[in-house]
Amino acid sequence: MRARTAWLLALTSSALALSGCSAPAPTPTTQAPTNTTRNTAVGAAVGAVAGAGVAHATGGKAAVGAVAGAAVGGTVAYLWSKNMERQRLELERATKGTGVKVSRTDDNRLKMVFPADITFNSHSAELQPQARTLLGRFADSLKRHPTTHVLIVGHADSSGGPHINDPLSKDRANAARNYIFQQKVMGPRIQTEGRGAREPVASNDTPAGRAKNRRVEVFVMEQRR
């Protein structure tokens, strides 16, 4: 019993050490791992080691314990199905020439970026007419694809300070969600977040840069079942 306990403690220490390791530096022919990819891999690895240890300590099979541990340690996996690809093509056609960017993320989510010049004026959470038109098309797509879930993230530029930008960015995300609700797409499948000015995509030192940072990002995802 003492030997088994000592073995389990050593294995757990190895798992913790693994969680603190840095990812290897990318070579010129490889791409640096994203935070999502890195965290999923490390979490799954730590979970797998810990799961194997639990199985050994309780007399179970190490392989089964490792698989269970990996499922717990890893993050949610999204599925890029034929349905998701159809929705991506639909939304590309629906937003072509409008400035909205539609892409697939490396963790298999569909991402739409609505720029400031068609969504909100500075210091405002009121949707502009073109944004309402495009969100209406997006709502139609959601009706055709009822298994997907949506996260709407609002962003602000750096003017005004966090006490203004944090609630403003959330208000912008909620404005987009509420308009989609008005198009008869309801329920908990749509969530919102406000991230203030913490995730700029351009410099806040120029009006053009601030306009790029004042945006709404929409993520569509289908979870593995």
Protein backbone atom coordinates (compact mmCIF):
# COMPACT_ATOMS: atom_id res chain seq x y z
CA MET A 1 0.00 0.00 0.00
CA ARG A 2 2.84 2.36 0.86
CA ALA A 3 4.51 1.64 -2.49
CA ARG A 4 1.29 2.37 -4.35
CA THR A 5 0.80 5.64 -2.49
CA ALA A 6 4.38 6.73 -3.18
CA TRP A 7 3.94 5.89 -6.87
CA LEU A 8 0.77 7.95 -7.06
CA LEU A 9 2.43 10.94 -5.41
CA ALA A 10 5.35 10.76 -7.84
CA LEU A 11 3.00 10.56 -10.81
CA THR A 12 0.96 13.51 -9.58
CA SER A 13 4.14 15.57 -9.19
CA SER A 14 5.05 14.73 -12.79
CA ALA A 15 1.65 15.94 -13.92
CA LEU A 16 2.05 19.21 -12.09
CA ALA A 17 5.51 19.68 -13.57
CA LEU A 18 4.09 19.06 -17.03
CA SER A 19 1.47 21.77 -16.51
CA GLY A 20 4.24 24.29 -15.87
CA CYS A 21 6.27 23.44 -18.96
CA SER A 22 6.41 25.94 -21.77
CA ALA A 23 5.47 24.94 -25.32
CA PRO A 24 8.48 24.47 -27.63
CA ALA A 25 9.45 27.48 -29.70
CA PRO A 26 8.06 27.35 -33.25
CA THR A 27 10.42 26.67 -36.08
CA PRO A 28 10.30 28.76 -39.28
CA THR A 29 8.07 26.10 -40.84
CA THR A 30 5.63 25.75 -37.95
CA GLN A 31 3.05 28.04 -36.42
CA ALA A 32 3.18 29.03 -32.75
CA PRO A 33 0.40 27.31 -30.76
CA THR A 34 -2.46 29.52 -29.65
CA ASN A 35 -3.44 29.85 -26.01
CA THR A 36 -6.49 27.67 -26.64
CA THR A 37 -4.46 24.94 -28.33
CA ARG A 38 -1.71 25.07 -25.70
CA ASN A 39 -4.11 25.01 -22.76
CA THR A 40 -6.11 22.15 -24.23
CA ALA A 41 -3.00 20.06 -24.83
CA VAL A 42 -1.52 20.71 -21.40
CA GLY A 43 -4.86 20.20 -19.66
CA ALA A 44 -5.47 16.94 -21.48
CA ALA A 45 -1.94 15.71 -20.75
CA VAL A 46 -2.18 16.53 -17.06
CA GLY A 47 -5.63 14.98 -16.90
CA ALA A 48 -4.39 11.85 -18.65
CA VAL A 49 -1.48 11.39 -16.22
CA ALA A 50 -3.68 12.05 -13.21
CA GLY A 51 -6.36 9.73 -14.56
CA ALA A 52 -3.84 6.94 -15.04
CA GLY A 53 -2.65 7.45 -11.46
CA VAL A 54 -6.16 7.21 -10.07
CA ALA A 55 -6.81 4.04 -12.04
CA HIS A 56 -3.58 2.45 -10.79
CA ALA A 57 -4.21 3.45 -7.18
CA THR A 58 -7.74 2.03 -7.26
CA GLY A 59 -6.83 -1.15 -9.09
CA GLY A 60 -8.37 -0.11 -12.43
CA LYS A 61 -6.86 -0.11 -15.89
CA ALA A 62 -4.38 2.73 -16.50
CA ALA A 63 -5.49 3.22 -20.09
CA VAL A 64 -9.12 3.73 -19.09
CA GLY A 65 -8.12 6.10 -16.31
CA ALA A 66 -5.92 8.11 -18.67
CA VAL A 67 -8.74 8.58 -21.19
CA ALA A 68 -11.13 9.71 -18.46
CA GLY A 69 -8.54 12.09 -17.04
CA ALA A 70 -7.84 13.59 -20.46
CA ALA A 71 -11.53 14.29 -20.94
CA VAL A 72 -11.63 16.14 -17.62
CA GLY A 73 -8.34 18.00 -18.13
CA GLY A 74 -9.02 19.15 -21.70
CA THR A 75 -11.26 22.06 -22.66
CA VAL A 76 -14.50 21.83 -24.62
CA ALA A 77 -13.91 20.64 -28.17
CA TYR A 78 -15.87 22.28 -30.95
CA LEU A 79 -16.94 20.41 -34.06
CA TRP A 80 -16.43 21.84 -37.55
CA SER A 81 -19.18 19.90 -39.29
CA LYS A 82 -20.72 20.17 -42.74
CA ASN A 83 -23.40 22.26 -41.07
CA MET A 84 -20.78 24.73 -39.81
CA GLU A 85 -19.17 24.96 -43.24
CA ARG A 86 -22.56 25.63 -44.86
CA GLN A 87 -23.22 28.38 -42.33
CA ARG A 88 -19.81 29.93 -43.00
CA LEU A 89 -20.50 30.05 -46.74
CA GLU A 90 -23.97 31.48 -46.13
CA LEU A 91 -22.63 34.25 -43.94
CA GLU A 92 -19.80 35.06 -46.35
CA ARG A 93 -22.36 35.56 -49.11
CA ALA A 94 -24.72 37.51 -46.83
CA THR A 95 -22.00 39.95 -45.73
CA LYS A 96 -19.92 40.21 -48.92
CA GLY A 97 -18.73 43.76 -49.57
CA THR A 98 -19.92 45.08 -46.20
CA GLY A 99 -16.63 45.04 -44.29
CA VAL A 100 -17.68 42.16 -42.03
CA LYS A 101 -14.95 39.52 -41.80
CA VAL A 102 -16.01 35.87 -41.64
CA SER A 103 -13.44 33.22 -40.73
CA ARG A 104 -12.88 29.86 -39.05
CA THR A 105 -10.83 29.96 -35.85
CA ASP A 106 -8.19 27.39 -34.95
CA ASP A 107 -10.50 25.92 -32.30
CA ASN A 108 -13.28 25.33 -34.88
CA ARG A 109 -15.50 28.31 -34.21
CA LEU A 110 -16.98 30.54 -36.87
CA LYS A 111 -15.99 34.15 -36.24
CA MET A 112 -17.59 37.32 -37.58
CA VAL A 113 -16.10 40.75 -36.91
CA PHE A 114 -18.45 43.74 -37.28
CA PRO A 115 -16.34 46.91 -37.66
CA ALA A 116 -17.19 50.21 -36.00
CA ASP A 117 -18.13 52.08 -39.15
CA ILE A 118 -21.21 49.88 -39.64
CA THR A 119 -22.06 49.06 -36.02
CA PHE A 120 -21.64 51.86 -33.45
CA ASN A 121 -20.56 55.45 -33.21
CA SER A 122 -17.96 56.39 -30.61
CA HIS A 123 -19.32 56.21 -27.02
CA SER A 124 -22.58 54.71 -28.32
CA ALA A 125 -24.28 51.33 -27.99
CA GLU A 126 -27.01 52.13 -30.52
CA LEU A 127 -26.86 49.91 -33.59
CA GLN A 128 -26.51 51.69 -36.91
CA PRO A 129 -28.96 50.79 -39.73
CA GLN A 130 -26.48 48.67 -41.70
CA ALA A 131 -25.62 46.65 -38.60
CA ARG A 132 -29.29 45.89 -38.04
CA THR A 133 -29.60 44.69 -41.64
CA LEU A 134 -26.60 42.38 -41.30
CA LEU A 135 -27.68 41.06 -37.92
CA GLY A 136 -31.05 40.29 -39.47
CA ARG A 137 -29.32 38.14 -42.07
CA PHE A 138 -27.32 36.49 -39.33
CA ALA A 139 -30.53 35.74 -37.43
CA ASP A 140 -31.98 34.08 -40.54
CA SER A 141 -28.90 31.87 -40.69
CA LEU A 142 -29.30 30.92 -37.03
CA LYS A 143 -32.87 29.82 -37.71
CA ARG A 144 -31.59 27.47 -40.41
CA HIS A 145 -28.92 26.07 -38.09
CA PRO A 146 -30.60 25.56 -34.70
CA THR A 147 -27.87 23.33 -33.21
CA THR A 148 -25.24 26.06 -33.06
CA HIS A 149 -24.50 28.32 -30.11
CA VAL A 150 -23.43 31.97 -30.21
CA LEU A 151 -21.12 34.19 -28.17
CA ILE A 152 -21.25 37.94 -28.89
CA VAL A 153 -18.28 39.94 -27.58
CA GLY A 154 -18.28 43.73 -27.43
CA HIS A 155 -15.10 45.82 -27.55
CA ALA A 156 -14.29 49.50 -27.05
CA ASP A 157 -11.39 51.79 -27.86
CA SER A 158 -9.21 53.18 -25.07
CA SER A 159 -10.91 56.57 -24.79
CA GLY A 160 -13.02 56.99 -21.68
CA GLY A 161 -11.32 54.61 -19.25
CA PRO A 162 -12.42 51.19 -17.94
CA HIS A 163 -15.30 52.60 -15.89
CA ILE A 164 -16.88 53.67 -19.18
CA ASN A 165 -15.51 51.12 -21.66
CA ASP A 166 -16.32 47.95 -19.70
CA PRO A 167 -20.07 48.55 -19.42
CA LEU A 168 -20.16 50.14 -22.90
CA SER A 169 -18.63 47.08 -24.52
CA LYS A 170 -21.16 44.81 -22.75
CA ASP A 171 -24.00 47.13 -23.80
CA ARG A 172 -22.84 46.82 -27.42
CA ALA A 173 -22.86 43.02 -27.23
CA ASN A 174 -26.30 43.10 -25.62
CA ALA A 175 -27.60 45.47 -28.30
CA ALA A 176 -26.60 42.97 -30.99
CA ARG A 177 -28.13 40.08 -29.04
CA ASN A 178 -31.37 41.96 -28.39
CA TYR A 179 -31.78 42.76 -32.06
CA ILE A 180 -31.33 39.06 -32.90
CA PHE A 181 -33.98 38.29 -30.25
CA GLN A 182 -36.32 40.67 -32.07
CA GLN A 183 -35.91 38.47 -35.15
CA LYS A 184 -37.47 35.55 -33.21
CA VAL A 185 -34.21 33.79 -32.34
CA MET A 186 -34.57 33.22 -28.64
CA GLY A 187 -33.16 31.21 -25.77
CA PRO A 188 -29.90 30.59 -23.96
CA ARG A 189 -28.01 29.66 -27.13
CA ILE A 190 -26.85 33.31 -27.35
CA GLN A 191 -24.45 34.62 -24.68
CA THR A 192 -22.72 38.01 -24.41
CA GLU A 193 -19.49 39.41 -22.97
CA GLY A 194 -17.95 42.86 -22.73
CA ARG A 195 -14.16 43.12 -22.78
CA GLY A 196 -13.71 46.88 -22.71
CA ALA A 197 -10.47 48.05 -24.33
CA ARG A 198 -8.43 45.05 -23.16
CA GLU A 199 -8.16 43.33 -26.55
CA PRO A 200 -7.20 45.97 -29.15
CA VAL A 201 -6.52 44.90 -32.74
CA ALA A 202 -4.94 48.23 -33.70
CA SER A 203 -3.23 51.22 -32.09
CA ASN A 204 -5.45 53.50 -30.05
CA ASP A 205 -3.21 56.46 -30.95
CA THR A 206 -5.09 57.26 -34.16
CA PRO A 207 -8.78 57.70 -35.03
CA ALA A 208 -8.52 54.86 -37.57
CA GLY A 209 -7.02 52.53 -34.99
CA ARG A 210 -9.63 53.39 -32.39
CA ALA A 211 -12.36 52.71 -34.94
CA LYS A 212 -10.98 49.20 -35.53
CA ASN A 213 -10.92 48.51 -31.81
CA ARG A 214 -14.54 49.65 -31.40
CA ARG A 215 -16.11 46.47 -32.72
CA VAL A 216 -18.33 43.48 -32.07
CA GLU A 217 -17.13 39.91 -32.58
CA VAL A 218 -19.63 37.08 -33.02
CA PHE A 219 -18.58 33.47 -32.50
CA VAL A 220 -20.71 30.56 -33.68
CA MET A 221 -19.91 27.09 -32.37
CA GLU A 222 -21.16 23.52 -32.45
CA GLN A 223 -20.16 21.31 -29.56
CA ARG A 224 -19.30 17.64 -29.96
CA ARG A 225 -22.16 15.47 -28.79
